[in-house]
Amino acid sequence: MTPPCVVFPASELRLHVQADIKGKKRKVEGGGDVDLSKCALQVMTQWRCFVENPGDRDSPVGCWPIQRLFRQCQDKRGRFTVETTPWEQLSSTAQPCSEQMVPESPPGHGVGDNRGSGQRTYHEWSQAWEDER
């Protein structure tokens, strides 16, 4: 069984990444804290798809790419990966998701004027990813 998932605002990610899954402080070279901005940035494209008319057997399916950002860090026990998508928007260590270019939807998928045109499109995370202000 996977461990319980703790929910916290993106602004607290730098604090939460200092401890491992058991709550113990991560040990890094030099004895300092984990610096997320120095960890390797990784990008994963995930597809969000919707059936336009679920009751219709031949209904078209629209899919849109969503980019998720991760940082791959190193401590004395090995590598660990942290999702940083909302944190990257707050920190300016990487381009905000709303400005990153993502590949066009595959032919026959997606909705919009650029379908099949070879153009790239911009996508951004919903407001739910931002901290409450």
C-alpha atoms as a PDB file:
ATOM      1  CA  MET A   1       0.000   0.000   0.000  1.00  0.00           C
ATOM      2  CA  THR A   2       1.287   3.474  -0.811  1.00  0.00           C
ATOM      3  CA  PRO A   3       1.912   5.930   2.020  1.00  0.00           C
ATOM      4  CA  PRO A   4      -0.686   8.637   2.682  1.00  0.00           C
ATOM      5  CA  CYS A   5      -0.319  11.760   0.599  1.00  0.00           C
ATOM      6  CA  VAL A   6       0.153  15.016   2.492  1.00  0.00           C
ATOM      7  CA  VAL A   7      -1.470  18.053   0.868  1.00  0.00           C
ATOM      8  CA  PHE A   8       0.238  21.441   1.232  1.00  0.00           C
ATOM      9  CA  PRO A   9       0.502  24.704  -0.748  1.00  0.00           C
ATOM     10  CA  ALA A  10       3.165  24.962  -3.465  1.00  0.00           C
ATOM     11  CA  SER A  11       4.859  27.764  -1.522  1.00  0.00           C
ATOM     12  CA  GLU A  12       5.786  25.202   1.186  1.00  0.00           C
ATOM     13  CA  LEU A  13       7.427  22.704  -1.197  1.00  0.00           C
ATOM     14  CA  ARG A  14      10.979  23.842  -0.308  1.00  0.00           C
ATOM     15  CA  LEU A  15      10.277  22.974   3.339  1.00  0.00           C
ATOM     16  CA  HIS A  16       8.581  19.626   2.680  1.00  0.00           C
ATOM     17  CA  VAL A  17      11.307  18.365   0.332  1.00  0.00           C
ATOM     18  CA  GLN A  18      13.879  18.589   3.157  1.00  0.00           C
ATOM     19  CA  ALA A  19      12.407  15.475   4.807  1.00  0.00           C
ATOM     20  CA  ASP A  20      12.062  11.965   3.386  1.00  0.00           C
ATOM     21  CA  ILE A  21       8.882   9.868   3.460  1.00  0.00           C
ATOM     22  CA  LYS A  22       9.552   8.895   7.089  1.00  0.00           C
ATOM     23  CA  GLY A  23       9.966  12.516   8.165  1.00  0.00           C
ATOM     24  CA  LYS A  24      13.762  12.344   8.584  1.00  0.00           C
ATOM     25  CA  LYS A  25      15.911  15.184   7.259  1.00  0.00           C
ATOM     26  CA  ARG A  26      17.512  14.374   3.915  1.00  0.00           C
ATOM     27  CA  LYS A  27      21.304  14.251   4.026  1.00  0.00           C
ATOM     28  CA  VAL A  28      22.987  15.976   1.096  1.00  0.00           C
ATOM     29  CA  GLU A  29      26.632  16.569   0.228  1.00  0.00           C
ATOM     30  CA  GLY A  30      28.015  19.391   2.336  1.00  0.00           C
ATOM     31  CA  GLY A  31      25.333  18.995   4.984  1.00  0.00           C
ATOM     32  CA  GLY A  32      23.096  21.726   3.615  1.00  0.00           C
ATOM     33  CA  ASP A  33      19.470  21.729   2.548  1.00  0.00           C
ATOM     34  CA  VAL A  34      18.052  20.348  -0.690  1.00  0.00           C
ATOM     35  CA  ASP A  35      18.000  23.186  -3.242  1.00  0.00           C
ATOM     36  CA  LEU A  36      15.274  22.388  -5.776  1.00  0.00           C
ATOM     37  CA  SER A  37      16.541  24.986  -8.230  1.00  0.00           C
ATOM     38  CA  LYS A  38      19.815  23.016  -8.542  1.00  0.00           C
ATOM     39  CA  CYS A  39      18.065  19.689  -9.236  1.00  0.00           C
ATOM     40  CA  ALA A  40      17.593  18.505 -12.827  1.00  0.00           C
ATOM     41  CA  LEU A  41      14.336  19.683 -14.389  1.00  0.00           C
ATOM     42  CA  GLN A  42      12.299  16.913 -16.047  1.00  0.00           C
ATOM     43  CA  VAL A  43       9.171  17.357 -18.171  1.00  0.00           C
ATOM     44  CA  MET A  44       6.396  14.824 -18.730  1.00  0.00           C
ATOM     45  CA  THR A  45       3.484  15.316 -21.106  1.00  0.00           C
ATOM     46  CA  GLN A  46       0.240  13.794 -19.930  1.00  0.00           C
ATOM     47  CA  TRP A  47      -2.886  13.704 -22.092  1.00  0.00           C
ATOM     48  CA  ARG A  48      -6.329  14.723 -20.875  1.00  0.00           C
ATOM     49  CA  CYS A  49      -9.086  13.275 -23.052  1.00  0.00           C
ATOM     50  CA  PHE A  50     -12.843  13.715 -23.236  1.00  0.00           C
ATOM     51  CA  VAL A  51     -15.493  11.902 -25.268  1.00  0.00           C
ATOM     52  CA  GLU A  52     -17.659  14.639 -26.782  1.00  0.00           C
ATOM     53  CA  ASN A  53     -20.910  12.627 -26.735  1.00  0.00           C
ATOM     54  CA  PRO A  54     -20.500   9.627 -24.390  1.00  0.00           C
ATOM     55  CA  GLY A  55     -23.844   8.137 -25.479  1.00  0.00           C
ATOM     56  CA  ASP A  56     -22.819   8.086 -29.166  1.00  0.00           C
ATOM     57  CA  ARG A  57     -20.692   5.081 -30.133  1.00  0.00           C
ATOM     58  CA  ASP A  58     -18.849   7.000 -32.893  1.00  0.00           C
ATOM     59  CA  SER A  59     -18.357  10.191 -30.885  1.00  0.00           C
ATOM     60  CA  PRO A  60     -15.047  11.994 -31.417  1.00  0.00           C
ATOM     61  CA  VAL A  61     -12.520  12.084 -28.604  1.00  0.00           C
ATOM     62  CA  GLY A  62     -10.739  15.360 -27.860  1.00  0.00           C
ATOM     63  CA  CYS A  63      -7.308  15.160 -26.215  1.00  0.00           C
ATOM     64  CA  TRP A  64      -5.080  17.967 -24.938  1.00  0.00           C
ATOM     65  CA  PRO A  65      -1.482  17.805 -23.712  1.00  0.00           C
ATOM     66  CA  ILE A  66      -0.742  18.873 -20.152  1.00  0.00           C
ATOM     67  CA  GLN A  67       2.858  19.365 -19.136  1.00  0.00           C
ATOM     68  CA  ARG A  68       3.939  18.315 -15.663  1.00  0.00           C
ATOM     69  CA  LEU A  69       7.294  19.379 -14.268  1.00  0.00           C
ATOM     70  CA  PHE A  70       9.516  17.411 -11.917  1.00  0.00           C
ATOM     71  CA  ARG A  71      12.890  17.947 -10.257  1.00  0.00           C
ATOM     72  CA  GLN A  72      15.237  15.002  -9.878  1.00  0.00           C
ATOM     73  CA  CYS A  73      17.458  15.537  -6.839  1.00  0.00           C
ATOM     74  CA  GLN A  74      20.236  13.586  -5.126  1.00  0.00           C
ATOM     75  CA  ASP A  75      20.768  12.893  -1.450  1.00  0.00           C
ATOM     76  CA  LYS A  76      23.125  10.413   0.242  1.00  0.00           C
ATOM     77  CA  ARG A  77      20.584   7.585  -0.160  1.00  0.00           C
ATOM     78  CA  GLY A  78      20.193   8.096  -3.914  1.00  0.00           C
ATOM     79  CA  ARG A  79      17.993   9.964  -6.338  1.00  0.00           C
ATOM     80  CA  PHE A  80      14.473  11.122  -5.586  1.00  0.00           C
ATOM     81  CA  THR A  81      11.927  12.904  -7.759  1.00  0.00           C
ATOM     82  CA  VAL A  82       9.543  15.677  -6.731  1.00  0.00           C
ATOM     83  CA  GLU A  83       6.676  17.072  -8.803  1.00  0.00           C
ATOM     84  CA  THR A  84       7.188  20.822  -8.994  1.00  0.00           C
ATOM     85  CA  THR A  85       4.580  21.964 -11.536  1.00  0.00           C
ATOM     86  CA  PRO A  86       2.848  24.561  -9.321  1.00  0.00           C
ATOM     87  CA  TRP A  87       6.118  25.492  -7.560  1.00  0.00           C
ATOM     88  CA  GLU A  88       7.810  26.358 -10.873  1.00  0.00           C
ATOM     89  CA  GLN A  89       5.091  28.962 -11.469  1.00  0.00           C
ATOM     90  CA  LEU A  90       5.819  30.557  -8.090  1.00  0.00           C
ATOM     91  CA  SER A  91       9.605  30.380  -8.289  1.00  0.00           C
ATOM     92  CA  SER A  92      10.803  31.649 -11.677  1.00  0.00           C
ATOM     93  CA  THR A  93      13.534  28.936 -11.820  1.00  0.00           C
ATOM     94  CA  ALA A  94      11.837  27.647 -14.975  1.00  0.00           C
ATOM     95  CA  GLN A  95       9.383  29.110 -17.443  1.00  0.00           C
ATOM     96  CA  PRO A  96       5.846  29.146 -16.067  1.00  0.00           C
ATOM     97  CA  CYS A  97       3.723  26.340 -17.523  1.00  0.00           C
ATOM     98  CA  SER A  98       1.469  28.833 -19.255  1.00  0.00           C
ATOM     99  CA  GLU A  99       4.398  29.980 -21.407  1.00  0.00           C
ATOM    100  CA  GLN A 100       5.901  26.609 -22.264  1.00  0.00           C
ATOM    101  CA  MET A 101       5.229  25.268 -25.702  1.00  0.00           C
ATOM    102  CA  VAL A 102       3.797  21.793 -25.987  1.00  0.00           C
ATOM    103  CA  PRO A 103       3.455  19.542 -29.022  1.00  0.00           C
ATOM    104  CA  GLU A 104       0.312  19.637 -31.112  1.00  0.00           C
ATOM    105  CA  SER A 105      -2.358  17.020 -30.480  1.00  0.00           C
ATOM    106  CA  PRO A 106      -1.989  13.867 -32.576  1.00  0.00           C
ATOM    107  CA  PRO A 107      -3.971  13.820 -35.847  1.00  0.00           C
ATOM    108  CA  GLY A 108      -7.649  13.172 -35.241  1.00  0.00           C
ATOM    109  CA  HIS A 109      -7.438  14.291 -31.606  1.00  0.00           C
ATOM    110  CA  GLY A 110      -7.918  17.622 -29.926  1.00  0.00           C
ATOM    111  CA  VAL A 111     -10.106  20.539 -30.739  1.00  0.00           C
ATOM    112  CA  GLY A 112      -9.165  23.926 -32.112  1.00  0.00           C
ATOM    113  CA  ASP A 113      -8.248  25.939 -35.183  1.00  0.00           C
ATOM    114  CA  ASN A 114      -4.715  24.572 -35.298  1.00  0.00           C
ATOM    115  CA  ARG A 115      -5.658  20.889 -35.732  1.00  0.00           C
ATOM    116  CA  GLY A 116      -3.421  19.422 -38.418  1.00  0.00           C
ATOM    117  CA  SER A 117      -1.709  22.763 -39.078  1.00  0.00           C
ATOM    118  CA  GLY A 118       1.604  21.846 -37.447  1.00  0.00           C
ATOM    119  CA  GLN A 119       1.361  24.799 -35.055  1.00  0.00           C
ATOM    120  CA  ARG A 120       2.194  24.501 -31.399  1.00  0.00           C
ATOM    121  CA  THR A 121      -0.308  25.500 -28.760  1.00  0.00           C
ATOM    122  CA  TYR A 122      -0.039  26.917 -25.269  1.00  0.00           C
ATOM    123  CA  HIS A 123      -1.739  25.345 -22.266  1.00  0.00           C
ATOM    124  CA  GLU A 124      -1.776  26.311 -18.632  1.00  0.00           C
ATOM    125  CA  TRP A 125      -2.785  24.705 -15.367  1.00  0.00           C
ATOM    126  CA  SER A 126      -6.102  25.586 -13.855  1.00  0.00           C
ATOM    127  CA  GLN A 127      -6.274  28.062 -10.992  1.00  0.00           C
ATOM    128  CA  ALA A 128      -6.589  25.130  -8.567  1.00  0.00           C
ATOM    129  CA  TRP A 129      -2.792  24.711  -8.721  1.00  0.00           C
ATOM    130  CA  GLU A 130      -2.161  28.138  -7.211  1.00  0.00           C
ATOM    131  CA  ASP A 131      -1.948  28.885  -3.510  1.00  0.00           C
ATOM    132  CA  GLU A 132      -4.906  30.567  -1.919  1.00  0.00           C
ATOM    133  CA  ARG A 133      -4.116  34.224  -1.490  1.00  0.00           C
END
